[in-house]
Amino acid sequence: MPLSFFKLTIILFFCFVIKPVLAQDSQTQTQLKIKQLIEKKAEYHRLTGGEQDGYQIKIHFGADRDKAKSLRSKFQQRFSDINTYEEYQQPNFVVLVGDFKSKLEAFEVLKKIQSDFPTSFIVKGKIKLK
């Protein structure tokens, strides 16, 4: 059954006029959603201080503050490219190193430092990415 001129006109009108308008509206909605996601991410970083879940390596924990400072200094001299942190987690002074997104990244560094710091191990915590 052949298409009538009227039906053909309606189909062509939809294809060349209505469809591009709908596509532009869809693009506008997509851009608005992207903008909202960017704003949500910025707000999340403000609330968390830029920290996220990740892994670090604990190279020391103990009640002796001087020993913690000494080990941190030794680590910084030997591995200056890896961040170090000293915290007090009652009743221990803790020295943590690195900011790793995955456990595999942390494991690679652990193997590299284990000869100098044999009691070190991987812990889950909040990290700051560069």
Protein backbone atom coordinates (compact mmCIF):
# COMPACT_ATOMS: atom_id res chain seq x y z
CA MET A 1 0.00 0.00 0.00
CA PRO A 2 1.70 3.24 -1.10
CA LEU A 3 2.14 6.08 1.37
CA SER A 4 -0.07 9.03 0.80
CA PHE A 5 1.47 12.44 0.29
CA PHE A 6 0.06 13.56 3.65
CA LYS A 7 1.66 10.64 5.56
CA LEU A 8 4.94 11.17 3.77
CA THR A 9 4.89 14.87 4.67
CA ILE A 10 4.26 14.09 8.34
CA ILE A 11 7.12 11.57 8.45
CA LEU A 12 9.52 14.01 6.78
CA PHE A 13 8.37 16.81 9.10
CA PHE A 14 9.08 14.63 12.13
CA CYS A 15 12.49 13.57 10.83
CA PHE A 16 13.74 17.03 9.89
CA VAL A 17 11.99 19.36 12.38
CA ILE A 18 10.76 17.58 15.51
CA LYS A 19 13.61 15.11 15.99
CA PRO A 20 16.44 17.74 16.03
CA VAL A 21 14.44 19.82 18.52
CA LEU A 22 14.02 16.80 20.80
CA ALA A 23 17.73 15.95 20.44
CA GLN A 24 18.72 19.50 21.47
CA ASP A 25 16.44 19.26 24.50
CA SER A 26 18.06 15.94 25.43
CA GLN A 27 21.53 17.49 25.06
CA THR A 28 20.53 20.37 27.35
CA GLN A 29 19.30 17.91 29.97
CA THR A 30 22.54 15.92 29.73
CA GLN A 31 24.64 19.07 30.19
CA LEU A 32 22.52 20.06 33.20
CA LYS A 33 23.01 16.63 34.78
CA ILE A 34 26.77 16.81 34.20
CA LYS A 35 26.88 20.24 35.85
CA GLN A 36 24.93 18.90 38.85
CA LEU A 37 27.32 15.94 39.21
CA ILE A 38 30.34 18.26 39.13
CA GLU A 39 28.76 20.41 41.85
CA LYS A 40 28.00 17.33 43.97
CA LYS A 41 31.59 16.14 43.64
CA ALA A 42 32.92 19.56 44.66
CA GLU A 43 30.60 19.59 47.68
CA TYR A 44 31.73 16.07 48.64
CA HIS A 45 35.38 17.17 48.52
CA ARG A 46 34.58 20.21 50.69
CA LEU A 47 32.87 17.98 53.26
CA THR A 48 35.56 15.27 53.33
CA GLY A 49 38.56 17.59 53.10
CA GLY A 50 39.56 15.96 49.81
CA GLU A 51 40.06 12.58 51.46
CA GLN A 52 38.80 9.29 50.13
CA ASP A 53 38.97 5.62 51.03
CA GLY A 54 42.24 3.94 50.18
CA TYR A 55 45.26 2.18 51.66
CA GLN A 56 48.39 3.12 53.56
CA ILE A 57 51.28 1.18 55.01
CA LYS A 58 51.77 1.19 58.77
CA ILE A 59 55.48 1.04 59.50
CA HIS A 60 55.30 1.65 63.26
CA PHE A 61 52.94 1.74 66.21
CA GLY A 62 53.97 1.99 69.81
CA ALA A 63 53.90 4.12 72.94
CA ASP A 64 57.38 5.62 72.37
CA ARG A 65 56.96 8.96 70.60
CA ASP A 66 60.69 9.43 69.99
CA LYS A 67 60.96 6.05 68.27
CA ALA A 68 58.02 6.97 66.01
CA LYS A 69 59.69 10.25 65.04
CA SER A 70 62.99 8.47 64.44
CA LEU A 71 61.42 5.82 62.19
CA ARG A 72 59.50 8.47 60.26
CA SER A 73 62.71 10.42 59.70
CA LYS A 74 64.55 7.28 58.61
CA PHE A 75 61.77 6.44 56.17
CA GLN A 76 61.71 9.97 54.72
CA GLN A 77 65.45 9.86 54.11
CA ARG A 78 65.29 6.48 52.39
CA PHE A 79 62.01 6.95 50.44
CA SER A 80 61.59 10.70 49.98
CA ASP A 81 59.03 10.28 47.18
CA ILE A 82 56.45 8.63 49.49
CA ASN A 83 54.31 10.71 51.88
CA THR A 84 54.62 9.98 55.61
CA TYR A 85 52.16 10.70 58.40
CA GLU A 86 52.53 10.55 62.15
CA GLU A 87 49.36 10.14 64.20
CA TYR A 88 48.44 9.52 67.78
CA GLN A 89 45.92 6.70 68.09
CA GLN A 90 45.56 6.27 71.80
CA PRO A 91 47.68 4.80 73.35
CA ASN A 92 50.09 4.46 70.38
CA PHE A 93 52.05 6.72 68.11
CA VAL A 94 51.54 5.51 64.56
CA VAL A 95 53.62 6.15 61.45
CA LEU A 96 51.76 5.65 58.16
CA VAL A 97 53.23 5.97 54.70
CA GLY A 98 51.78 6.41 51.24
CA ASP A 99 48.40 7.21 49.74
CA PHE A 100 47.26 4.30 47.59
CA LYS A 101 43.97 3.92 45.74
CA SER A 102 44.23 0.15 45.54
CA LYS A 103 45.63 -2.58 47.72
CA LEU A 104 47.77 -3.72 44.80
CA GLU A 105 49.55 -0.34 44.67
CA ALA A 106 50.18 -0.53 48.41
CA PHE A 107 51.45 -4.11 48.12
CA GLU A 108 54.03 -3.11 45.47
CA VAL A 109 55.46 -0.44 47.77
CA LEU A 110 55.27 -2.76 50.79
CA LYS A 111 57.54 -5.23 49.00
CA LYS A 112 59.97 -2.41 48.22
CA ILE A 113 60.22 -1.17 51.84
CA GLN A 114 59.89 -4.44 53.73
CA SER A 115 63.63 -5.11 53.87
CA ASP A 116 64.14 -1.84 55.82
CA PHE A 117 60.85 -2.00 57.74
CA PRO A 118 60.09 -5.71 58.24
CA THR A 119 57.10 -5.25 60.57
CA SER A 120 55.20 -2.98 58.17
CA PHE A 121 51.77 -3.95 56.88
CA ILE A 122 48.90 -2.54 54.78
CA VAL A 123 45.94 -0.81 56.44
CA LYS A 124 42.74 0.65 55.06
CA GLY A 125 42.15 4.33 55.74
CA LYS A 126 41.46 7.80 54.42
CA ILE A 127 43.96 9.08 51.87
CA LYS A 128 44.64 12.38 50.15
CA LEU A 129 45.35 12.14 46.47
CA LYS A 130 47.69 14.53 44.73
